[in-house]
Amino acid sequence: SGHPGANDVLTAAATQPPDVARNNVRGYFTANPGEFLDLRRIAGPLQDLRNQCGIAITPGQFATLFEAMQV
């Protein structure tokens, strides 16, 4: 997989309290800005969909999608 650390932090975030998950994800991507940029390219269309259609993507769904994108 291309970003195992990102996968781990996002998967863990799905089971953590929101404030803990937010801090862990923010801390990981602050330390790994290249991975953050990759993730933004993936997440951009999901954010657009949410904004246009009012569809919310949960952290668990996002982690599953992220894992599925690993080749």
Protein backbone atom coordinates (compact mmCIF):
# COMPACT_ATOMS: atom_id res chain seq x y z
CA SER A 1 0.00 0.00 0.00
CA GLY A 2 1.14 3.52 -0.74
CA HIS A 3 0.37 5.15 2.61
CA PRO A 4 0.18 2.54 5.39
CA GLY A 5 0.61 5.13 8.15
CA ALA A 6 -2.27 7.22 6.81
CA ASN A 7 -4.41 4.12 6.50
CA ASP A 8 -3.65 3.20 10.12
CA VAL A 9 -4.44 6.66 11.52
CA LEU A 10 -7.68 6.96 9.52
CA THR A 11 -8.82 3.46 10.42
CA ALA A 12 -8.13 4.12 14.11
CA ALA A 13 -9.95 7.47 13.90
CA ALA A 14 -13.18 5.68 13.02
CA THR A 15 -13.28 4.13 16.51
CA GLN A 16 -11.95 7.05 18.57
CA PRO A 17 -13.84 9.92 20.21
CA PRO A 18 -14.11 12.79 17.69
CA ASP A 19 -11.68 15.10 19.51
CA VAL A 20 -9.04 12.35 19.83
CA ALA A 21 -9.50 11.30 16.21
CA ARG A 22 -9.25 14.90 14.99
CA ASN A 23 -6.02 15.50 16.93
CA ASN A 24 -4.45 12.23 15.79
CA VAL A 25 -5.34 12.77 12.13
CA ARG A 26 -4.22 16.41 12.22
CA GLY A 27 -0.95 15.45 13.91
CA TYR A 28 -0.21 12.68 11.43
CA PHE A 29 -0.84 14.79 8.34
CA THR A 30 1.00 17.79 9.79
CA ALA A 31 4.04 15.52 10.07
CA ASN A 32 3.42 14.02 6.60
CA PRO A 33 2.31 16.89 4.35
CA GLY A 34 2.91 14.98 1.10
CA GLU A 35 0.41 12.35 2.19
CA PHE A 36 -2.04 15.10 3.13
CA LEU A 37 -1.85 16.50 -0.40
CA ASP A 38 -2.42 13.03 -1.88
CA LEU A 39 -5.41 12.54 0.38
CA ARG A 40 -6.87 15.93 -0.55
CA ARG A 41 -6.76 14.95 -4.22
CA ILE A 42 -8.72 11.81 -3.34
CA ALA A 43 -11.10 13.52 -0.91
CA GLY A 44 -11.87 16.56 -3.07
CA PRO A 45 -14.64 14.88 -5.09
CA LEU A 46 -16.16 13.49 -1.86
CA GLN A 47 -16.27 16.96 -0.33
CA ASP A 48 -17.85 18.33 -3.50
CA LEU A 49 -20.49 15.59 -3.38
CA ARG A 50 -21.22 16.37 0.25
CA ASN A 51 -21.50 20.10 -0.45
CA GLN A 52 -23.70 19.69 -3.53
CA CYS A 53 -25.95 16.87 -2.34
CA GLY A 54 -25.83 17.09 1.44
CA ILE A 55 -24.34 13.58 1.65
CA ALA A 56 -22.08 13.10 4.66
CA ILE A 57 -19.16 10.68 4.50
CA THR A 58 -18.33 9.16 7.90
CA PRO A 59 -14.72 8.55 9.00
CA GLY A 60 -15.37 4.81 8.81
CA GLN A 61 -16.64 5.06 5.24
CA PHE A 62 -13.70 7.24 4.31
CA ALA A 63 -11.23 4.79 5.88
CA THR A 64 -12.86 1.94 3.96
CA LEU A 65 -12.63 3.91 0.73
CA PHE A 66 -9.02 4.84 1.44
CA GLU A 67 -8.17 1.19 2.10
CA ALA A 68 -9.95 0.10 -1.09
CA MET A 69 -7.89 2.62 -3.09
CA GLN A 70 -4.63 1.01 -1.96
CA VAL A 71 -3.05 -1.06 -4.75
